Protein backbone atom coordinates (compact mmCIF):
# COMPACT_ATOMS: atom_id res chain seq x y z
CA UNK A 1 0.00 0.00 0.00
CA UNK A 2 2.84 2.42 0.83
CA UNK A 3 4.45 1.85 -2.56
CA UNK A 4 1.16 2.60 -4.32
CA UNK A 5 0.66 5.73 -2.23
CA UNK A 6 4.16 7.03 -3.03
CA UNK A 7 3.56 6.35 -6.73
CA UNK A 8 0.26 8.24 -6.68
CA UNK A 9 1.75 11.23 -4.86
CA UNK A 10 4.69 11.35 -7.25
CA UNK A 11 2.34 11.23 -10.24
CA UNK A 12 0.22 14.03 -8.79
CA UNK A 13 3.29 16.19 -8.25
CA UNK A 14 4.51 15.59 -11.79
CA UNK A 15 1.05 16.40 -13.15
CA UNK A 16 0.85 19.60 -11.13
CA UNK A 17 4.07 21.12 -12.42
CA UNK A 18 4.05 19.85 -15.98
CA UNK A 19 3.88 22.61 -18.61
CA UNK A 20 4.22 25.29 -15.93
CA UNK A 21 7.26 27.53 -15.65
CA UNK A 22 6.11 28.92 -12.26
CA UNK A 23 6.71 27.21 -8.93
CA UNK A 24 3.94 25.92 -6.68
CA UNK A 25 2.89 28.40 -4.03
CA UNK A 26 0.19 28.68 -1.38
CA UNK A 27 -2.75 30.28 -3.19
CA UNK A 28 -5.91 29.52 -1.26
CA UNK A 29 -7.78 28.29 1.78
CA UNK A 30 -11.34 26.89 1.78
CA UNK A 31 -13.89 25.95 4.44
CA UNK A 32 -17.08 24.09 3.68
CA UNK A 33 -19.51 21.26 4.26
CA UNK A 34 -19.53 17.72 2.86
CA UNK A 35 -22.28 15.09 3.10
CA UNK A 36 -20.69 11.67 2.37
CA UNK A 37 -22.90 8.62 1.89
CA UNK A 38 -21.02 6.40 4.35
CA UNK A 39 -20.59 8.94 7.16
CA UNK A 40 -22.49 11.70 8.88
CA UNK A 41 -21.95 15.15 7.29
CA UNK A 42 -19.29 17.47 8.60
CA UNK A 43 -16.92 20.35 7.96
CA UNK A 44 -14.11 20.15 5.43
CA UNK A 45 -11.07 22.45 5.46
CA UNK A 46 -8.66 22.67 2.54
CA UNK A 47 -5.73 24.50 1.02
CA UNK A 48 -4.39 24.99 -2.51
CA UNK A 49 -0.81 24.90 -3.76
CA UNK A 50 -0.88 25.92 -7.41
CA UNK A 51 1.19 27.32 -10.26
CA UNK A 52 -0.28 29.48 -13.00
CA UNK A 53 0.12 28.06 -16.51
CA UNK A 54 -1.45 31.08 -18.22
CA UNK A 55 -4.22 33.63 -17.61
CA UNK A 56 -6.89 30.90 -17.52
CA UNK A 57 -5.37 27.70 -16.13
CA UNK A 58 -3.78 26.72 -12.82
CA UNK A 59 -2.24 23.34 -11.97
CA UNK A 60 -1.27 22.20 -8.51
CA UNK A 61 -2.05 20.20 -5.40
CA UNK A 62 -4.97 20.43 -3.00
CA UNK A 63 -4.98 19.04 0.54
CA UNK A 64 -8.25 18.72 2.48
CA UNK A 65 -9.32 17.42 5.85
CA UNK A 66 -12.78 16.23 6.99
CA UNK A 67 -13.65 15.60 10.64
CA UNK A 68 -16.84 14.45 12.30
CA UNK A 69 -17.29 13.56 15.98
CA UNK A 70 -20.24 12.04 17.84
CA UNK A 71 -20.82 11.39 21.53
CA UNK A 72 -23.67 9.61 23.27
CA UNK A 73 -24.19 10.95 26.78
CA UNK A 74 -26.98 10.34 29.29
CA UNK A 75 -28.03 12.48 32.25
CA UNK A 76 -27.99 10.31 35.40
CA UNK A 77 -28.70 12.94 38.06
CA UNK A 78 -29.95 16.50 38.38
CA UNK A 79 -30.09 19.08 41.12
CA UNK A 80 -31.25 22.69 41.39
CA UNK A 81 -29.30 25.16 43.53
CA UNK A 82 -30.85 27.81 45.74
CA UNK A 83 -29.98 30.35 43.05
CA UNK A 84 -31.94 28.44 40.40
CA UNK A 85 -28.95 26.86 38.62
CA UNK A 86 -29.87 23.46 37.17
CA UNK A 87 -26.89 21.12 37.30
CA UNK A 88 -26.82 17.71 35.60
CA UNK A 89 -24.44 14.84 36.11
CA UNK A 90 -23.89 13.02 32.82
CA UNK A 91 -22.08 9.92 31.68
CA UNK A 92 -20.43 9.31 28.31
CA UNK A 93 -21.36 5.96 26.78
CA UNK A 94 -20.14 6.11 23.17
CA UNK A 95 -17.67 8.26 21.25
CA UNK A 96 -16.92 8.15 17.50
CA UNK A 97 -14.44 10.21 15.49
CA UNK A 98 -14.16 10.08 11.70
CA UNK A 99 -11.29 11.84 9.96
CA UNK A 100 -10.27 11.58 6.32
CA UNK A 101 -7.73 13.35 4.16
CA UNK A 102 -7.86 13.48 0.34
CA UNK A 103 -4.63 14.59 -1.37
CA UNK A 104 -5.14 15.45 -5.03
CA UNK A 105 -3.51 16.93 -8.06
CA UNK A 106 -5.89 19.61 -9.32
CA UNK A 107 -6.62 21.78 -12.32
CA UNK A 108 -8.52 25.08 -12.12
CA UNK A 109 -9.90 26.76 -15.24
CA UNK A 110 -11.03 30.42 -15.06
CA UNK A 111 -13.68 31.64 -17.49
CA UNK A 112 -12.59 35.24 -17.79
CA UNK A 113 -10.25 37.72 -16.18
CA UNK A 114 -12.84 40.13 -14.77
CA UNK A 115 -13.07 40.88 -11.06
CA UNK A 116 -16.15 38.62 -10.97
CA UNK A 117 -16.01 35.45 -13.06
CA UNK A 118 -16.76 31.74 -12.95
CA UNK A 119 -14.35 28.82 -12.70
CA UNK A 120 -14.34 25.02 -12.83
CA UNK A 121 -11.98 22.67 -11.02
CA UNK A 122 -11.18 18.97 -10.97
CA UNK A 123 -8.89 16.78 -8.90
CA UNK A 124 -7.57 13.22 -8.82
CA UNK A 125 -5.62 11.58 -6.03
CA UNK A 126 -5.58 9.38 -2.95
CA UNK A 127 -7.70 9.39 0.21
CA UNK A 128 -7.04 8.07 3.73
CA UNK A 129 -9.71 7.51 6.39
CA UNK A 130 -9.22 6.95 10.11
CA UNK A 131 -12.19 5.92 12.26
CA UNK A 132 -11.94 5.67 16.06
CA UNK A 133 -14.74 4.11 18.09
CA UNK A 134 -14.91 3.99 21.90
CA UNK A 135 -17.65 1.98 23.61
CA UNK A 136 -17.33 2.85 27.30
CA UNK A 137 -20.21 0.58 28.27
CA UNK A 138 -18.56 -2.57 26.93
CA UNK A 139 -15.04 -1.20 27.46
CA UNK A 140 -14.19 -1.68 23.78
CA UNK A 141 -11.98 0.52 21.62
CA UNK A 142 -11.42 0.06 17.91
CA UNK A 143 -9.43 1.95 15.30
CA UNK A 144 -9.88 1.38 11.58
CA UNK A 145 -7.82 2.65 8.64
CA UNK A 146 -9.08 2.76 5.04
CA UNK A 147 -7.58 4.09 1.81
CA UNK A 148 -8.39 4.40 -1.87
CA UNK A 149 -8.52 6.64 -4.90
CA UNK A 150 -10.57 9.83 -5.04
CA UNK A 151 -11.69 12.33 -7.65
CA UNK A 152 -13.46 15.65 -7.34
CA UNK A 153 -15.29 17.95 -9.76
CA UNK A 154 -16.75 21.35 -8.99
CA UNK A 155 -17.36 24.89 -10.04
CA UNK A 156 -18.20 28.29 -8.69
CA UNK A 157 -17.42 31.98 -8.77
CA UNK A 158 -14.45 34.14 -7.89
CA UNK A 159 -14.80 37.80 -6.83
CA UNK A 160 -11.70 39.95 -6.56
CA UNK A 161 -11.63 41.80 -3.23
CA UNK A 162 -8.17 43.38 -3.33
CA UNK A 163 -5.03 43.83 -5.37
CA UNK A 164 -3.91 40.23 -4.66
CA UNK A 165 -6.92 38.52 -3.05
CA UNK A 166 -10.32 37.15 -4.04
CA UNK A 167 -13.33 35.51 -2.39
CA UNK A 168 -14.61 32.25 -3.87
CA UNK A 169 -17.73 30.13 -3.49
CA UNK A 170 -18.25 26.71 -5.05
CA UNK A 171 -20.24 23.51 -5.11
CA UNK A 172 -18.51 20.19 -5.72
CA UNK A 173 -18.93 16.43 -5.94
CA UNK A 174 -16.44 14.26 -4.06
CA UNK A 175 -16.16 10.62 -5.20
CA UNK A 176 -14.27 8.03 -3.16
CA UNK A 177 -14.67 4.48 -1.89
CA UNK A 178 -11.96 3.56 0.60
CA UNK A 179 -11.11 -0.02 1.59
CA UNK A 180 -9.37 -2.11 4.25
CA UNK A 181 -8.73 -5.78 5.07
CA UNK A 182 -8.36 -6.85 1.45
CA UNK A 183 -8.02 -10.63 1.48
CA UNK A 184 -9.53 -13.84 0.13
CA UNK A 185 -12.28 -16.01 1.58
CA UNK A 186 -12.33 -19.79 1.92
CA UNK A 187 -13.37 -20.12 -1.74
CA UNK A 188 -10.44 -17.99 -2.87
CA UNK A 189 -12.60 -15.01 -3.82
CA UNK A 190 -11.35 -11.47 -3.06
CA UNK A 191 -13.09 -9.81 -0.09
CA UNK A 192 -12.67 -6.48 1.68
CA UNK A 193 -14.43 -3.91 3.84
CA UNK A 194 -15.22 -0.51 2.35
CA UNK A 195 -16.77 2.88 3.11
CA UNK A 196 -18.44 5.02 0.45
CA UNK A 197 -17.38 8.64 1.05
CA UNK A 198 -18.95 10.03 -2.12
CA UNK A 199 -21.20 13.03 -1.76
CA UNK A 200 -21.97 16.64 -2.60
CA UNK A 201 -20.63 19.64 -0.76
CA UNK A 202 -20.15 23.37 -0.86
CA UNK A 203 -17.43 25.69 0.41
CA UNK A 204 -16.13 29.23 0.41
CA UNK A 205 -12.74 30.72 0.92
CA UNK A 206 -10.00 33.12 -0.04
CA UNK A 207 -7.51 32.95 -2.87
CA UNK A 208 -4.45 35.15 -3.04
CA UNK A 209 -1.18 35.79 -4.83
CA UNK A 210 -2.65 35.14 -8.28
CA UNK A 211 -1.77 38.53 -9.82
């Protein structure tokens, strides 16, 4: 798996700098919301490292992180003070944390050079998922790791807010199915466990250093 991951990252890096005389630089930060099929929805934070090929096209890398936490707690006692403060004693029974990171080579195409214009973007890369589950009732703790390929397609608008900065808003589709425990059953057939992280999302952010 490590060899495949290194190959994918090397291919993404080569793709991102090919046909570009400029060096990659930090050009954007994005915050949004993603609703994957195999997980509860949550916030996604990302950053762009791109190089400008010409006035319309950027190539580079994008790194994103998604995190979702859930706790199940139950109130087991309650008391009211003389001042009217209601105090509860609670116990935590379950705790889940889902975190995944897609790393992609990306292409951004701008439709115009005006202060307000539209753009489209696409990415291809590798995704890693970590899932931690704590069951305090049964005193069980489990950690799972999944990985697989990912692609993304989206589009939105860019509005120039300063001499070197712009605000962006976009909608996107994120497609990934990550796997673990790839093996064979008693009949010799391939088996594995997987999580479908595909879903739609939206995000906004700032881009800078493009002019």
